[in-house]
């Protein structure tokens, strides 16, 4: 009987100590806040560079989630860059569904721009981007545009 009571006491101590270990462990949550600049495209296991103009773009998410989305592309003249998209507003990030949404006002009308987040870490933010033919083969490329944190 003493053996059984001793065994139960030891099991209780072991189970309590493992509970303590779990409560003391911390998981570090990476923040999406910051300035993110286009770095490269990923498509079918390969990396493709972004142009000099594309590198001027940004996703800026302040700590209060106000921010900016800017996209640049090559213009008509040599070395000319144009900014076809530039919005300033309030970001929202839904981690569960991987959606990054910017709500902004344009000509007095409230609009949203939504990006699908494939993955992000402390240094990279990967956004689905089907807007560019990255591999030179006609058709819609469902590439991932990789942003790096500045």
N, C-alpha and C. Protein backbone atom coordinates (compact mmCIF):
# COMPACT_ATOMS: atom_id res chain seq x y z
N UNK A 1 0.82 -1.18 0.00
CA UNK A 1 0.00 0.00 0.00
C UNK A 1 0.87 1.26 0.00
N UNK A 2 1.95 1.24 0.83
CA UNK A 2 2.85 2.39 0.86
C UNK A 2 3.48 2.60 -0.51
N UNK A 3 3.78 1.50 -1.20
CA UNK A 3 4.36 1.59 -2.54
C UNK A 3 3.41 2.29 -3.49
N UNK A 4 2.11 1.96 -3.44
CA UNK A 4 1.10 2.55 -4.31
C UNK A 4 0.94 4.04 -4.02
N UNK A 5 0.91 4.43 -2.76
CA UNK A 5 0.81 5.84 -2.39
C UNK A 5 2.05 6.61 -2.85
N UNK A 6 3.22 6.01 -2.68
CA UNK A 6 4.47 6.63 -3.14
C UNK A 6 4.47 6.82 -4.65
N UNK A 7 3.98 5.81 -5.38
CA UNK A 7 3.92 5.89 -6.85
C UNK A 7 2.97 7.01 -7.30
N UNK A 8 1.83 7.13 -6.64
CA UNK A 8 0.87 8.18 -6.98
C UNK A 8 1.47 9.56 -6.68
N UNK A 9 2.17 9.69 -5.56
CA UNK A 9 2.81 10.97 -5.21
C UNK A 9 3.86 11.36 -6.24
N UNK A 10 4.67 10.41 -6.68
CA UNK A 10 5.72 10.68 -7.68
C UNK A 10 5.08 11.10 -9.00
N UNK A 11 4.02 10.41 -9.40
CA UNK A 11 3.33 10.75 -10.65
C UNK A 11 2.74 12.16 -10.57
N UNK A 12 2.22 12.53 -9.40
CA UNK A 12 1.67 13.87 -9.21
C UNK A 12 2.73 14.94 -9.34
N UNK A 13 3.89 14.69 -8.77
CA UNK A 13 5.00 15.65 -8.84
C UNK A 13 5.47 15.79 -10.28
N UNK A 14 5.62 14.68 -10.99
CA UNK A 14 6.08 14.71 -12.38
C UNK A 14 5.08 15.45 -13.25
N UNK A 15 3.79 15.19 -13.08
CA UNK A 15 2.80 15.86 -13.92
C UNK A 15 2.73 17.34 -13.62
N UNK A 16 2.91 17.74 -12.35
CA UNK A 16 2.91 19.17 -12.00
C UNK A 16 4.11 19.87 -12.60
N UNK A 17 5.26 19.23 -12.59
CA UNK A 17 6.45 19.88 -13.13
C UNK A 17 6.33 20.05 -14.63
N UNK A 18 5.70 19.11 -15.34
CA UNK A 18 5.56 19.29 -16.78
C UNK A 18 4.56 20.39 -17.08
N UNK A 19 3.53 20.59 -16.23
CA UNK A 19 2.61 21.70 -16.42
C UNK A 19 3.33 23.02 -16.23
N UNK A 20 4.21 23.08 -15.23
CA UNK A 20 4.97 24.30 -14.99
C UNK A 20 5.84 24.64 -16.18
N UNK A 21 6.45 23.63 -16.81
CA UNK A 21 7.30 23.88 -17.97
C UNK A 21 6.50 24.51 -19.10
N UNK A 22 5.29 24.03 -19.33
CA UNK A 22 4.47 24.56 -20.40
C UNK A 22 4.04 25.99 -20.12
N UNK A 23 3.71 26.31 -18.88
CA UNK A 23 3.25 27.66 -18.58
C UNK A 23 4.38 28.67 -18.64
N UNK A 24 5.62 28.24 -18.46
CA UNK A 24 6.76 29.15 -18.51
C UNK A 24 7.31 29.34 -19.92
N UNK A 25 6.94 28.45 -20.85
CA UNK A 25 7.47 28.60 -22.21
C UNK A 25 6.71 29.71 -22.93
N UNK A 26 7.44 30.45 -23.74
CA UNK A 26 6.85 31.56 -24.47
C UNK A 26 7.02 31.33 -25.95
N UNK A 27 5.95 31.59 -26.69
CA UNK A 27 6.06 31.56 -28.14
C UNK A 27 6.11 33.00 -28.61
N UNK A 28 7.14 33.30 -29.36
CA UNK A 28 7.32 34.66 -29.83
C UNK A 28 6.47 34.86 -31.07
N UNK A 29 5.61 35.85 -31.04
CA UNK A 29 4.75 36.16 -32.16
C UNK A 29 5.43 37.22 -33.02
N UNK A 30 5.57 36.95 -34.30
CA UNK A 30 6.20 37.88 -35.22
C UNK A 30 5.15 38.91 -35.64
N UNK A 31 5.52 40.17 -35.63
CA UNK A 31 4.62 41.25 -35.99
C UNK A 31 4.70 41.52 -37.49
N UNK A 32 3.56 41.79 -38.09
CA UNK A 32 3.51 42.14 -39.51
C UNK A 32 3.81 43.63 -39.72
N UNK A 33 3.88 44.39 -38.63
CA UNK A 33 4.15 45.82 -38.73
C UNK A 33 5.55 46.07 -39.27
N UNK A 34 5.68 47.12 -40.07
CA UNK A 34 6.97 47.51 -40.60
C UNK A 34 6.86 47.98 -42.03
N UNK A 35 8.01 48.23 -42.63
CA UNK A 35 8.08 48.61 -44.04
C UNK A 35 8.61 47.42 -44.81
N UNK A 36 7.85 46.97 -45.78
CA UNK A 36 8.18 45.79 -46.58
C UNK A 36 8.41 46.23 -48.03
N UNK A 37 9.54 45.82 -48.61
CA UNK A 37 9.92 46.20 -49.97
C UNK A 37 9.98 44.95 -50.86
N UNK A 38 9.49 45.03 -52.11
CA UNK A 38 9.57 43.88 -53.02
C UNK A 38 11.01 43.44 -53.25
N UNK A 39 11.23 42.13 -53.19
CA UNK A 39 12.58 41.59 -53.31
C UNK A 39 12.73 40.65 -54.50
N UNK A 40 11.76 39.73 -54.67
CA UNK A 40 11.83 38.75 -55.75
C UNK A 40 10.47 38.08 -55.90
N UNK A 41 10.32 37.38 -57.02
CA UNK A 41 9.15 36.54 -57.23
C UNK A 41 9.57 35.09 -57.05
N UNK A 42 8.67 34.28 -56.54
CA UNK A 42 8.86 32.83 -56.49
C UNK A 42 7.76 32.20 -57.33
N UNK A 43 8.16 31.31 -58.25
CA UNK A 43 7.18 30.66 -59.11
C UNK A 43 7.70 29.29 -59.51
N UNK A 44 6.93 28.27 -59.22
CA UNK A 44 7.28 26.87 -59.55
C UNK A 44 8.68 26.50 -59.08
N UNK A 45 9.02 26.87 -57.86
CA UNK A 45 10.30 26.49 -57.26
C UNK A 45 11.50 27.31 -57.70
N UNK A 46 11.27 28.35 -58.50
CA UNK A 46 12.37 29.19 -58.97
C UNK A 46 12.17 30.62 -58.48
N UNK A 47 13.28 31.35 -58.36
CA UNK A 47 13.25 32.76 -57.99
C UNK A 47 13.44 33.62 -59.23
N UNK A 48 12.68 34.70 -59.32
CA UNK A 48 12.77 35.65 -60.42
C UNK A 48 12.97 37.05 -59.82
N UNK A 49 13.88 37.83 -60.38
CA UNK A 49 14.15 39.16 -59.81
C UNK A 49 13.01 40.13 -60.08
N UNK A 50 12.89 41.14 -59.23
CA UNK A 50 11.97 42.25 -59.50
C UNK A 50 12.77 43.34 -60.19
N UNK A 51 12.08 44.17 -60.95
CA UNK A 51 12.76 45.25 -61.67
C UNK A 51 13.14 46.37 -60.70
N UNK A 52 13.97 47.27 -61.20
CA UNK A 52 14.37 48.44 -60.41
C UNK A 52 13.15 49.25 -60.02
N UNK A 53 12.20 49.38 -60.94
CA UNK A 53 10.97 50.12 -60.63
C UNK A 53 10.15 49.40 -59.56
N UNK A 54 10.00 48.10 -59.69
CA UNK A 54 9.22 47.33 -58.72
C UNK A 54 9.80 47.44 -57.31
N UNK A 55 11.12 47.55 -57.21
CA UNK A 55 11.78 47.67 -55.90
C UNK A 55 11.39 48.95 -55.16
N UNK A 56 10.84 49.95 -55.88
CA UNK A 56 10.41 51.20 -55.25
C UNK A 56 9.10 51.04 -54.49
N UNK A 57 8.35 49.98 -54.78
CA UNK A 57 7.07 49.75 -54.12
C UNK A 57 7.24 49.46 -52.64
N UNK A 58 6.12 49.44 -51.93
CA UNK A 58 6.19 49.13 -50.50
C UNK A 58 4.83 48.77 -49.94
N UNK A 59 4.89 48.03 -48.87
CA UNK A 59 3.76 47.84 -47.98
C UNK A 59 4.25 48.38 -46.64
N UNK A 60 3.59 49.42 -46.16
CA UNK A 60 3.96 50.03 -44.88
C UNK A 60 2.80 49.80 -43.92
N UNK A 61 3.10 49.15 -42.80
CA UNK A 61 2.09 48.89 -41.77
C UNK A 61 2.62 49.42 -40.45
N UNK A 62 2.07 50.53 -39.99
CA UNK A 62 2.47 51.12 -38.72
C UNK A 62 1.90 50.31 -37.56
N UNK A 63 2.36 50.60 -36.35
CA UNK A 63 1.90 49.84 -35.18
C UNK A 63 0.41 50.05 -34.91
N UNK A 64 -0.16 51.17 -35.35
CA UNK A 64 -1.60 51.39 -35.20
C UNK A 64 -2.36 50.87 -36.43
N UNK A 65 -1.66 50.19 -37.33
CA UNK A 65 -2.16 49.59 -38.56
C UNK A 65 -2.56 50.60 -39.63
N UNK A 66 -2.24 51.88 -39.43
CA UNK A 66 -2.36 52.82 -40.54
C UNK A 66 -1.21 52.47 -41.48
N UNK A 67 -1.33 52.84 -42.74
CA UNK A 67 -0.23 52.52 -43.63
C UNK A 67 -0.49 52.81 -45.09
N UNK A 68 0.37 52.23 -45.92
CA UNK A 68 0.40 52.54 -47.34
C UNK A 68 0.66 51.27 -48.15
N UNK A 69 0.10 51.22 -49.34
CA UNK A 69 0.47 50.22 -50.34
C UNK A 69 0.84 50.99 -51.60
N UNK A 70 2.04 50.74 -52.14
CA UNK A 70 2.49 51.38 -53.38
C UNK A 70 3.09 50.32 -54.29
N UNK A 71 2.69 50.38 -55.56
CA UNK A 71 3.25 49.47 -56.55
C UNK A 71 3.77 50.30 -57.72
N UNK A 72 4.98 49.98 -58.16
CA UNK A 72 5.61 50.67 -59.29
C UNK A 72 5.85 49.67 -60.41
N UNK A 73 5.89 50.20 -61.63
CA UNK A 73 6.26 49.41 -62.80
C UNK A 73 6.97 50.31 -63.80
N UNK A 74 7.57 49.70 -64.79
CA UNK A 74 8.32 50.47 -65.80
C UNK A 74 7.36 51.32 -66.62
N UNK A 75 7.80 52.54 -66.92
CA UNK A 75 7.02 53.46 -67.74
C UNK A 75 7.41 53.33 -69.20
N UNK A 76 6.94 54.25 -70.02
CA UNK A 76 7.19 54.22 -71.46
C UNK A 76 8.65 54.56 -71.80
N UNK A 77 9.23 55.49 -71.07
CA UNK A 77 10.60 55.91 -71.36
C UNK A 77 11.63 55.05 -70.63
N UNK A 78 12.84 55.06 -71.15
CA UNK A 78 13.92 54.28 -70.53
C UNK A 78 14.19 54.80 -69.12
N UNK A 79 14.18 53.92 -68.16
CA UNK A 79 14.45 54.29 -66.78
C UNK A 79 13.29 54.97 -66.07
N UNK A 80 12.17 55.12 -66.77
CA UNK A 80 11.00 55.78 -66.18
C UNK A 80 10.17 54.77 -65.40
N UNK A 81 9.76 55.17 -64.20
CA UNK A 81 8.90 54.32 -63.37
C UNK A 81 7.57 55.04 -63.14
N UNK A 82 6.49 54.29 -63.21
CA UNK A 82 5.18 54.86 -62.90
C UNK A 82 4.61 54.12 -61.69
N UNK A 83 3.69 54.80 -61.02
CA UNK A 83 3.07 54.24 -59.83
C UNK A 83 1.58 54.04 -60.11
N UNK A 84 1.19 52.86 -60.66
CA UNK A 84 -0.22 52.65 -61.00
C UNK A 84 -1.11 52.44 -59.78
N UNK A 85 -0.52 52.07 -58.64
CA UNK A 85 -1.31 51.88 -57.43
C UNK A 85 -0.61 52.53 -56.25
N UNK A 86 -1.35 53.37 -55.54
CA UNK A 86 -0.84 54.00 -54.33
C UNK A 86 -2.03 54.33 -53.45
N UNK A 87 -2.13 53.63 -52.31
CA UNK A 87 -3.26 53.81 -51.41
C UNK A 87 -2.75 54.02 -49.99
N UNK A 88 -3.42 54.88 -49.28
CA UNK A 88 -3.10 55.14 -47.88
C UNK A 88 -4.38 54.90 -47.09
N UNK A 89 -4.26 54.13 -46.00
CA UNK A 89 -5.45 53.84 -45.22
C UNK A 89 -5.14 53.04 -43.98
N UNK A 90 -6.01 52.11 -43.65
CA UNK A 90 -5.90 51.30 -42.44
C UNK A 90 -5.82 49.83 -42.84
N UNK A 91 -4.76 49.17 -42.36
CA UNK A 91 -4.56 47.75 -42.63
C UNK A 91 -5.27 46.89 -41.58
N UNK A 92 -5.65 45.70 -41.98
CA UNK A 92 -6.16 44.67 -41.07
C UNK A 92 -5.52 43.36 -41.52
N UNK A 93 -5.05 42.56 -40.56
CA UNK A 93 -4.43 41.29 -40.90
C UNK A 93 -5.17 40.16 -40.20
N UNK A 94 -5.71 39.24 -40.99
CA UNK A 94 -6.41 38.07 -40.48
C UNK A 94 -5.46 36.88 -40.62
N UNK A 95 -4.79 36.53 -39.54
CA UNK A 95 -3.82 35.44 -39.56
C UNK A 95 -4.46 34.10 -39.91
N UNK A 96 -5.66 33.88 -39.42
CA UNK A 96 -6.33 32.61 -39.64
C UNK A 96 -6.53 32.32 -41.13
N UNK A 97 -6.97 33.33 -41.88
CA UNK A 97 -7.25 33.16 -43.30
C UNK A 97 -6.15 33.69 -44.20
N UNK A 98 -5.10 34.27 -43.62
CA UNK A 98 -3.99 34.78 -44.41
C UNK A 98 -4.37 35.93 -45.31
N UNK A 99 -5.18 36.84 -44.81
CA UNK A 99 -5.62 37.99 -45.62
C UNK A 99 -5.12 39.28 -44.99
N UNK A 100 -4.49 40.09 -45.82
CA UNK A 100 -4.01 41.40 -45.44
C UNK A 100 -4.85 42.40 -46.25
N UNK A 101 -5.64 43.22 -45.56
CA UNK A 101 -6.59 44.09 -46.23
C UNK A 101 -6.33 45.54 -45.88
N UNK A 102 -6.25 46.37 -46.90
CA UNK A 102 -6.10 47.81 -46.73
C UNK A 102 -7.43 48.47 -47.08
N UNK A 103 -8.01 49.22 -46.14
CA UNK A 103 -9.22 49.99 -46.40
C UNK A 103 -8.79 51.44 -46.58
N UNK A 104 -9.19 52.03 -47.70
CA UNK A 104 -8.79 53.39 -48.04
C UNK A 104 -9.95 54.12 -48.68
N UNK A 105 -9.82 55.42 -48.83
CA UNK A 105 -10.86 56.24 -49.47
C UNK A 105 -10.31 56.80 -50.76
N UNK A 106 -11.11 56.64 -51.83
CA UNK A 106 -10.73 57.16 -53.14
C UNK A 106 -11.93 57.90 -53.72
N UNK A 107 -11.74 59.18 -53.99
CA UNK A 107 -12.81 60.03 -54.52
C UNK A 107 -14.05 59.98 -53.64
N UNK A 108 -13.83 59.95 -52.32
CA UNK A 108 -14.93 59.96 -51.37
C UNK A 108 -15.60 58.61 -51.14
N UNK A 109 -15.09 57.57 -51.79
CA UNK A 109 -15.69 56.23 -51.67
C UNK A 109 -14.73 55.32 -50.93
N UNK A 110 -15.25 54.60 -49.94
CA UNK A 110 -14.43 53.65 -49.18
C UNK A 110 -14.21 52.39 -50.02
N UNK A 111 -12.94 51.99 -50.14
CA UNK A 111 -12.58 50.81 -50.94
C UNK A 111 -11.62 49.94 -50.15
N UNK A 112 -11.43 48.71 -50.61
CA UNK A 112 -10.47 47.81 -49.98
C UNK A 112 -9.59 47.17 -51.04
N UNK A 113 -8.37 46.88 -50.64
CA UNK A 113 -7.43 46.13 -51.44
C UNK A 113 -6.97 44.97 -50.57
N UNK A 114 -7.19 43.76 -51.06
CA UNK A 114 -6.87 42.59 -50.24
C UNK A 114 -5.73 41.79 -50.87
N UNK A 115 -4.79 41.39 -50.03
CA UNK A 115 -3.65 40.57 -50.44
C UNK A 115 -3.72 39.25 -49.69
N UNK A 116 -3.37 38.17 -50.39
CA UNK A 116 -3.31 36.86 -49.75
C UNK A 116 -1.90 36.60 -49.29
N UNK A 117 -1.72 36.39 -47.99
CA UNK A 117 -0.41 36.15 -47.41
C UNK A 117 -0.14 34.64 -47.45
N UNK A 118 0.89 34.26 -48.19
CA UNK A 118 1.29 32.85 -48.25
C UNK A 118 2.06 32.46 -46.99
N UNK A 119 2.90 33.39 -46.53
CA UNK A 119 3.73 33.14 -45.36
C UNK A 119 4.41 34.45 -44.96
N UNK A 120 4.78 34.55 -43.70
CA UNK A 120 5.63 35.67 -43.32
C UNK A 120 6.41 35.33 -42.07
N UNK A 121 7.57 35.97 -41.99
CA UNK A 121 8.47 35.77 -40.86
C UNK A 121 8.94 37.15 -40.42
N UNK A 122 9.92 37.19 -39.57
CA UNK A 122 10.47 38.48 -39.12
C UNK A 122 11.13 39.24 -40.26
N UNK A 123 11.54 38.53 -41.32
CA UNK A 123 12.27 39.18 -42.41
C UNK A 123 11.58 39.14 -43.77
N UNK A 124 10.62 38.23 -43.98
CA UNK A 124 9.97 38.10 -45.29
C UNK A 124 8.45 38.04 -45.16
N UNK A 125 7.79 38.69 -46.13
CA UNK A 125 6.34 38.67 -46.26
C UNK A 125 6.05 38.19 -47.67
N UNK A 126 5.37 37.06 -47.81
CA UNK A 126 5.10 36.46 -49.12
C UNK A 126 3.63 36.64 -49.47
N UNK A 127 3.40 37.35 -50.58
CA UNK A 127 2.06 37.71 -51.03
C UNK A 127 1.80 37.07 -52.40
N UNK A 128 0.64 36.43 -52.56
CA UNK A 128 0.24 35.88 -53.85
C UNK A 128 0.09 37.03 -54.84
N UNK A 129 0.66 36.87 -56.04
CA UNK A 129 0.62 37.92 -57.05
C UNK A 129 0.53 37.28 -58.43
N UNK A 130 -0.62 37.41 -59.06
CA UNK A 130 -0.81 36.87 -60.40
C UNK A 130 -0.79 37.94 -61.45
N UNK A 131 -0.23 39.11 -61.15
CA UNK A 131 -0.28 40.25 -62.06
C UNK A 131 0.84 40.30 -63.08
N UNK A 132 1.84 39.45 -62.95
CA UNK A 132 3.01 39.56 -63.82
C UNK A 132 3.38 38.21 -64.40
N UNK A 133 3.79 38.22 -65.66
CA UNK A 133 4.26 37.02 -66.32
C UNK A 133 5.75 36.88 -66.00
N UNK A 134 6.05 36.16 -64.92
CA UNK A 134 7.43 36.11 -64.43
C UNK A 134 8.32 35.14 -65.20
N UNK A 135 7.74 34.13 -65.83
CA UNK A 135 8.56 33.11 -66.48
C UNK A 135 8.68 33.29 -67.99
N UNK A 136 8.07 34.33 -68.55
CA UNK A 136 8.18 34.60 -69.99
C UNK A 136 7.27 33.73 -70.85
N UNK A 137 6.51 32.86 -70.25
CA UNK A 137 5.56 32.02 -70.98
C UNK A 137 4.18 32.64 -70.80
N UNK A 138 3.48 32.94 -71.90
CA UNK A 138 2.18 33.60 -71.79
C UNK A 138 1.22 32.84 -70.88
N UNK A 139 0.41 33.59 -70.18
CA UNK A 139 -0.55 33.00 -69.26
C UNK A 139 -0.42 33.64 -67.89
N UNK A 140 -1.41 33.45 -67.09
CA UNK A 140 -1.41 34.07 -65.76
C UNK A 140 -0.52 33.27 -64.83
N UNK A 141 0.53 33.88 -64.36
CA UNK A 141 1.43 33.23 -63.40
C UNK A 141 0.93 33.50 -61.99
N UNK A 142 0.64 32.47 -61.25
CA UNK A 142 0.27 32.63 -59.85
C UNK A 142 1.54 32.58 -59.02
N UNK A 143 2.32 33.64 -59.15
CA UNK A 143 3.59 33.72 -58.45
C UNK A 143 3.38 34.27 -57.05
N UNK A 144 4.43 34.22 -56.27
CA UNK A 144 4.44 34.80 -54.94
C UNK A 144 5.46 35.93 -54.97
N UNK A 145 5.02 37.13 -54.59
CA UNK A 145 5.93 38.27 -54.51
C UNK A 145 6.46 38.31 -53.08
N UNK A 146 7.78 38.20 -52.96
CA UNK A 146 8.41 38.18 -51.66
C UNK A 146 8.88 39.58 -51.32
N UNK A 147 8.41 40.08 -50.18
CA UNK A 147 8.82 41.38 -49.66
C UNK A 147 9.80 41.12 -48.52
N UNK A 148 10.77 42.02 -48.39
CA UNK A 148 11.69 41.92 -47.26
C UNK A 148 11.47 43.13 -46.36
N UNK A 149 11.64 42.91 -45.07
CA UNK A 149 11.46 43.99 -44.10
C UNK A 149 12.68 44.89 -44.12
N UNK A 150 12.45 46.18 -44.18
CA UNK A 150 13.55 47.14 -44.13
C UNK A 150 13.93 47.42 -42.72
